[in-house]
Protein backbone atom coordinates (compact mmCIF):
# COMPACT_ATOMS: atom_id res chain seq x y z
CA UNK A 1 -43.30 -17.37 -19.68
CA UNK A 2 -46.60 -15.29 -19.50
CA UNK A 3 -46.95 -13.20 -22.68
CA UNK A 4 -48.76 -10.37 -20.89
CA UNK A 5 -46.01 -10.11 -18.33
CA UNK A 6 -43.38 -9.92 -21.07
CA UNK A 7 -45.32 -7.10 -22.74
CA UNK A 8 -45.65 -5.32 -19.42
CA UNK A 9 -41.94 -5.57 -18.70
CA UNK A 10 -41.17 -4.30 -22.17
CA UNK A 11 -43.40 -1.25 -21.68
CA UNK A 12 -41.90 -0.61 -18.26
CA UNK A 13 -38.39 -0.73 -19.77
CA UNK A 14 -39.28 1.81 -22.45
CA UNK A 15 -40.91 4.07 -19.87
CA UNK A 16 -37.90 4.10 -17.61
CA UNK A 17 -35.72 5.05 -20.59
CA UNK A 18 -38.21 7.78 -21.65
CA UNK A 19 -38.93 5.90 -24.87
CA UNK A 20 -42.61 5.02 -24.28
CA UNK A 21 -45.23 6.46 -26.65
CA UNK A 22 -48.27 8.32 -25.27
CA UNK A 23 -50.41 5.26 -25.96
CA UNK A 24 -47.97 3.00 -24.11
CA UNK A 25 -47.82 5.50 -21.23
CA UNK A 26 -51.64 5.44 -20.94
CA UNK A 27 -51.54 1.67 -20.93
CA UNK A 28 -49.07 1.71 -18.02
CA UNK A 29 -51.09 4.24 -16.03
CA UNK A 30 -54.04 1.88 -16.29
CA UNK A 31 -51.96 -0.76 -14.47
CA UNK A 32 -52.78 -0.89 -10.70
CA UNK A 33 -49.02 -1.14 -9.91
CA UNK A 34 -48.14 2.06 -11.81
CA UNK A 35 -47.94 4.14 -8.57
CA UNK A 36 -45.21 1.83 -7.13
CA UNK A 37 -43.26 2.05 -10.41
CA UNK A 38 -43.22 5.83 -10.09
CA UNK A 39 -41.84 5.64 -6.48
CA UNK A 40 -39.03 3.29 -7.51
CA UNK A 41 -38.05 5.48 -10.44
CA UNK A 42 -38.00 8.60 -8.26
CA UNK A 43 -35.74 6.95 -5.59
CA UNK A 44 -33.26 5.52 -8.08
CA UNK A 45 -32.81 8.86 -9.81
CA UNK A 46 -30.87 10.09 -6.70
CA UNK A 47 -28.23 7.38 -6.98
CA UNK A 48 -24.74 8.46 -8.17
CA UNK A 49 -21.26 6.95 -8.72
CA UNK A 50 -18.83 8.00 -5.94
CA UNK A 51 -15.88 10.11 -6.99
CA UNK A 52 -12.44 8.44 -6.92
CA UNK A 53 -9.45 10.36 -5.44
CA UNK A 54 -6.65 8.41 -7.14
CA UNK A 55 -3.76 10.33 -5.51
CA UNK A 56 -5.12 9.88 -1.98
CA UNK A 57 -5.76 6.19 -2.59
CA UNK A 58 -2.20 5.66 -3.92
CA UNK A 59 -0.72 7.37 -0.86
CA UNK A 60 -2.82 5.24 1.51
CA UNK A 61 -1.78 2.01 -0.22
CA UNK A 62 1.89 3.07 -0.20
CA UNK A 63 1.80 3.68 3.55
CA UNK A 64 0.55 0.14 4.10
CA UNK A 65 3.46 -1.46 2.23
CA UNK A 66 6.53 -2.53 4.24
CA UNK A 67 9.75 -0.96 3.07
CA UNK A 68 11.98 -3.35 1.13
CA UNK A 69 15.60 -3.08 2.30
CA UNK A 70 18.17 -3.12 -0.41
CA UNK A 71 20.64 -5.99 -0.14
CA UNK A 72 24.12 -4.73 0.53
CA UNK A 73 26.90 -6.13 -1.54
CA UNK A 74 29.49 -8.00 0.58
CA UNK A 75 32.58 -6.04 1.44
CA UNK A 76 35.56 -7.86 -0.09
CA UNK A 77 37.88 -6.55 2.62
CA UNK A 78 35.62 -7.92 5.34
CA UNK A 79 35.74 -11.37 3.74
CA UNK A 80 39.54 -11.24 3.45
CA UNK A 81 39.91 -10.33 7.13
CA UNK A 82 37.61 -13.16 8.19
CA UNK A 83 39.53 -15.71 6.12
CA UNK A 84 42.80 -14.38 7.48
CA UNK A 85 41.49 -14.71 11.05
CA UNK A 86 40.51 -18.36 10.44
CA UNK A 87 43.95 -19.13 9.03
CA UNK A 88 45.59 -17.40 11.99
CA UNK A 89 43.64 -19.59 14.42
CA UNK A 90 44.55 -22.74 12.46
CA UNK A 91 48.24 -21.83 12.33
CA UNK A 92 48.28 -21.02 16.05
CA UNK A 93 46.65 -24.36 16.83
CA UNK A 94 49.14 -26.21 14.62
CA UNK A 95 52.08 -24.42 16.26
CA UNK A 96 50.73 -25.16 19.76
CA UNK A 97 50.17 -28.84 18.97
CA UNK A 98 53.58 -29.19 17.31
CA UNK A 99 55.26 -27.80 20.44
CA UNK A 100 53.58 -30.33 22.72
CA UNK A 101 55.65 -33.22 24.03
CA UNK A 102 55.21 -36.74 22.73
CA UNK A 103 54.86 -39.50 25.31
CA UNK A 104 55.19 -43.26 24.87
CA UNK A 105 53.98 -45.42 27.75
CA UNK A 106 53.77 -49.12 28.51
CA UNK A 107 51.42 -50.96 30.85
CA UNK A 108 51.82 -54.11 32.95
CA UNK A 109 53.59 -56.95 31.08
CA UNK A 110 53.92 -54.77 27.97
CA UNK A 111 57.03 -53.75 26.07
CA UNK A 112 57.14 -51.38 23.14
CA UNK A 113 59.69 -50.75 20.38
CA UNK A 114 59.63 -47.45 18.49
CA UNK A 115 61.87 -45.03 16.58
CA UNK A 116 62.73 -41.48 17.56
CA UNK A 117 62.74 -38.67 14.95
CA UNK A 118 66.43 -39.39 14.07
CA UNK A 119 65.64 -43.13 13.70
CA UNK A 120 67.34 -43.98 16.99
CA UNK A 121 65.60 -47.08 18.36
CA UNK A 122 64.03 -47.42 21.79
CA UNK A 123 62.69 -50.54 23.49
CA UNK A 124 60.57 -49.59 26.49
CA UNK A 125 60.14 -52.08 29.33
CA UNK A 126 56.86 -52.66 31.17
CA UNK A 127 55.41 -49.90 33.33
CA UNK A 128 57.68 -47.22 31.83
CA UNK A 129 57.29 -43.92 30.03
CA UNK A 130 59.40 -41.76 27.71
CA UNK A 131 58.64 -38.12 26.86
CA UNK A 132 60.28 -36.01 24.16
CA UNK A 133 59.59 -33.14 21.76
CA UNK A 134 59.54 -33.91 18.04
CA UNK A 135 59.70 -30.26 16.98
CA UNK A 136 63.02 -29.54 18.69
CA UNK A 137 64.56 -32.97 18.24
CA UNK A 138 67.05 -31.99 15.53
CA UNK A 139 68.41 -29.21 17.78
CA UNK A 140 68.31 -31.11 21.06
CA UNK A 141 68.17 -34.90 21.21
CA UNK A 142 66.85 -35.02 24.74
CA UNK A 143 64.17 -37.15 26.36
CA UNK A 144 62.87 -38.01 29.81
CA UNK A 145 62.59 -41.56 31.09
CA UNK A 146 60.57 -42.94 33.97
CA UNK A 147 61.33 -46.65 34.25
CA UNK A 148 63.57 -48.76 32.03
CA UNK A 149 64.51 -48.59 28.35
CA UNK A 150 67.14 -49.88 25.95
CA UNK A 151 68.54 -47.44 23.38
CA UNK A 152 70.27 -47.85 20.03
CA UNK A 153 71.30 -44.28 19.28
CA UNK A 154 72.20 -43.04 15.81
CA UNK A 155 75.46 -41.08 15.68
CA UNK A 156 75.07 -37.32 15.76
CA UNK A 157 75.01 -34.53 18.29
CA UNK A 158 74.64 -35.27 21.99
CA UNK A 159 71.83 -37.61 22.98
CA UNK A 160 70.58 -37.28 26.58
CA UNK A 161 68.29 -39.38 28.73
CA UNK A 162 67.04 -37.49 31.77
CA UNK A 163 65.75 -39.35 34.83
CA UNK A 164 65.03 -38.28 38.40
CA UNK A 165 68.16 -40.18 39.46
CA UNK A 166 70.58 -38.68 36.91
CA UNK A 167 71.31 -37.89 33.25
CA UNK A 168 72.83 -40.28 30.69
CA UNK A 169 74.56 -38.66 27.68
CA UNK A 170 76.03 -40.23 24.53
CA UNK A 171 76.93 -39.35 20.93
CA UNK A 172 75.91 -42.67 19.42
CA UNK A 173 75.81 -46.02 21.16
CA UNK A 174 73.73 -48.81 22.66
CA UNK A 175 72.87 -48.72 26.34
CA UNK A 176 70.21 -49.55 28.91
CA UNK A 177 68.84 -47.30 31.64
CA UNK A 178 66.88 -48.41 34.71
CA UNK A 179 65.67 -45.61 36.99
CA UNK A 180 63.05 -46.36 39.63
CA UNK A 181 62.53 -45.46 43.28
CA UNK A 182 66.08 -44.28 44.00
CA UNK A 183 67.65 -47.22 42.12
CA UNK A 184 69.63 -46.16 39.02
CA UNK A 185 71.48 -48.58 36.76
CA UNK A 186 73.17 -47.85 33.41
CA UNK A 187 74.70 -50.56 31.21
CA UNK A 188 76.71 -49.71 28.07
CA UNK A 189 76.88 -52.24 25.21
CA UNK A 190 78.53 -50.12 22.53
CA UNK A 191 80.47 -46.83 22.50
CA UNK A 192 80.82 -44.66 25.59
CA UNK A 193 78.21 -43.35 28.04
CA UNK A 194 78.44 -40.40 30.40
CA UNK A 195 76.33 -40.55 33.56
CA UNK A 196 75.78 -37.42 35.65
CA UNK A 197 74.30 -37.63 39.16
CA UNK A 198 74.70 -35.54 42.32
CA UNK A 199 77.42 -33.35 40.80
CA UNK A 200 79.33 -36.49 39.80
CA UNK A 201 80.21 -37.55 36.25
CA UNK A 202 81.08 -41.19 35.47
CA UNK A 203 82.21 -42.54 32.08
CA UNK A 204 80.85 -46.00 31.31
CA UNK A 205 82.55 -47.78 28.38
CA UNK A 206 81.13 -50.63 26.32
CA UNK A 207 80.82 -53.87 28.32
CA UNK A 208 80.46 -52.05 31.65
CA UNK A 209 77.67 -51.01 33.98
CA UNK A 210 77.21 -48.81 37.00
CA UNK A 211 74.62 -48.97 39.72
CA UNK A 212 73.66 -45.93 41.80
CA UNK A 213 71.48 -46.26 44.86
CA UNK A 214 70.00 -43.23 46.62
CA UNK A 215 72.48 -40.95 44.86
CA UNK A 216 75.60 -42.99 45.68
CA UNK A 217 77.68 -45.15 43.35
CA UNK A 218 77.26 -48.78 44.47
CA UNK A 219 78.57 -50.85 41.52
CA UNK A 220 80.95 -50.06 38.67
CA UNK A 221 81.91 -53.26 36.88
CA UNK A 222 81.76 -55.31 33.69
CA UNK A 223 78.42 -56.49 32.37
CA UNK A 224 78.08 -60.18 31.47
CA UNK A 225 75.51 -59.82 28.72
CA UNK A 226 75.64 -58.40 25.18
CA UNK A 227 72.20 -56.78 25.64
CA UNK A 228 69.65 -56.41 28.45
CA UNK A 229 68.15 -59.79 29.33
CA UNK A 230 64.69 -58.25 29.80
CA UNK A 231 64.55 -58.17 26.00
CA UNK A 232 64.41 -61.98 26.31
CA UNK A 233 61.55 -61.76 28.88
CA UNK A 234 63.64 -61.97 32.04
CA UNK A 235 64.50 -59.43 34.72
CA UNK A 236 67.98 -59.47 36.23
CA UNK A 237 69.19 -57.82 39.43
CA UNK A 238 72.49 -57.64 41.27
CA UNK A 239 72.36 -56.92 44.97
CA UNK A 240 69.11 -55.03 44.57
CA UNK A 241 66.72 -54.20 47.45
CA UNK A 242 63.90 -56.77 47.60
CA UNK A 243 61.10 -54.13 47.32
CA UNK A 244 62.65 -52.94 44.02
CA UNK A 245 62.61 -56.52 42.71
CA UNK A 246 59.01 -57.15 43.77
CA UNK A 247 57.86 -53.89 42.18
CA UNK A 248 59.27 -55.24 38.92
CA UNK A 249 57.23 -58.43 39.43
CA UNK A 250 54.11 -56.24 39.64
CA UNK A 251 55.07 -54.60 36.34
CA UNK A 252 55.45 -57.92 34.56
CA UNK A 253 52.40 -59.67 36.06
CA UNK A 254 48.90 -58.40 37.00
CA UNK A 255 49.39 -59.04 40.73
CA UNK A 256 49.86 -57.14 43.96
CA UNK A 257 52.78 -58.33 46.15
CA UNK A 258 52.75 -57.88 49.93
CA UNK A 259 55.70 -58.51 52.26
CA UNK A 260 54.61 -59.88 55.63
CA UNK A 261 57.04 -59.36 58.53
CA UNK A 262 60.07 -59.36 56.25
CA UNK A 263 62.99 -56.99 56.48
CA UNK A 264 62.73 -54.60 53.52
CA UNK A 265 66.52 -54.33 53.55
CA UNK A 266 66.88 -57.84 52.13
CA UNK A 267 68.86 -57.92 48.88
CA UNK A 268 68.41 -60.08 45.82
CA UNK A 269 70.84 -61.17 43.12
CA UNK A 270 69.50 -63.21 40.24
CA UNK A 271 66.79 -63.17 37.60
CA UNK A 272 63.14 -64.14 37.12
CA UNK A 273 61.06 -64.98 34.06
CA UNK A 274 58.23 -62.84 32.66
CA UNK A 275 56.34 -65.86 31.34
CA UNK A 276 55.41 -67.88 34.44
CA UNK A 277 54.42 -66.27 37.75
CA UNK A 278 55.06 -69.38 39.87
CA UNK A 279 58.56 -69.83 38.45
CA UNK A 280 59.28 -66.13 38.91
CA UNK A 281 58.26 -66.16 42.58
CA UNK A 282 60.25 -69.34 43.26
CA UNK A 283 63.35 -67.79 41.67
CA UNK A 284 63.06 -64.84 44.04
CA UNK A 285 61.85 -66.53 47.24
CA UNK A 286 63.88 -69.74 47.45
CA UNK A 287 67.34 -68.12 47.56
CA UNK A 288 66.09 -65.81 50.33
CA UNK A 289 64.37 -68.59 52.33
CA UNK A 290 60.92 -67.13 51.77
CA UNK A 291 57.50 -68.62 51.11
CA UNK A 292 54.73 -67.15 48.97
CA UNK A 293 51.01 -67.64 48.50
CA UNK A 294 48.74 -66.39 45.69
CA UNK A 295 45.08 -65.87 46.50
CA UNK A 296 42.18 -65.87 44.04
CA UNK A 297 42.22 -62.06 43.82
CA UNK A 298 45.76 -61.99 42.45
CA UNK A 299 47.40 -60.89 45.70
CA UNK A 300 50.77 -62.47 46.49
CA UNK A 301 51.75 -62.75 50.14
CA UNK A 302 55.45 -63.36 50.87
CA UNK A 303 56.65 -64.37 54.32
CA UNK A 304 59.61 -66.09 55.98
CA UNK A 305 59.64 -69.91 55.88
CA UNK A 306 59.67 -70.24 59.64
CA UNK A 307 56.60 -68.02 60.07
CA UNK A 308 53.05 -69.36 60.17
């Protein structure tokens, strides 16, 4: 760095701080730039530090801050009420579900064996449905049947099977009920069965059966079998209308049966197998002098032998 410049800066520093000696002051005045030094010193002497209003500044900063909300402590009573409400909803749902009926249903060619709440046994034939209420079962052993079922009832209070054709009541026994399309048949295999229909009450003892057609008693006689033969995959009918028999074919096989120019009043007595459609149709058609034909879509056409 230039030595003269350093000396000059040093003298200037002392002058600005009023520490320069007369000799040093004369030396500065001899400098051509002395006049500009004087102007700078005069201007800077008017500078001052601004005053600080601490209270006003604090208030301004406080107004800019967002208020912080205090967290409220949870109300214990509010929590209890909410929990109680949830439990109330759950209990109501449970009660509603428990009061709903239970249904057991079978499809085509399907049978199903199951136990009722009192361990009474039910075997449900194809295309049938039973409905009952588990909740009230101990007070009222009552169920509804649409179709055919075999029952082995545990002894106890009255056991009732309700159908659209009539009501079957027992205390403890084994029996079969068939109720479809105005055709109502009850067979008793053990104990005693009461059958109510159209303001009529009939007692059916073990080894007997009754058949009711369109609300009228048609058959009341002994049964030849110790249990329903449909449990052995056969359907049996005695003097039954042909349409009733063919509807049962449709329940045991995935087919649709059409009668072509045949008297629907024809009656059938006999049985057919559930294991071979051809054999089943022959067992029905041959005694009645009928022919049948099965097309590729599973439709069975039945017509008289002398027809084309």
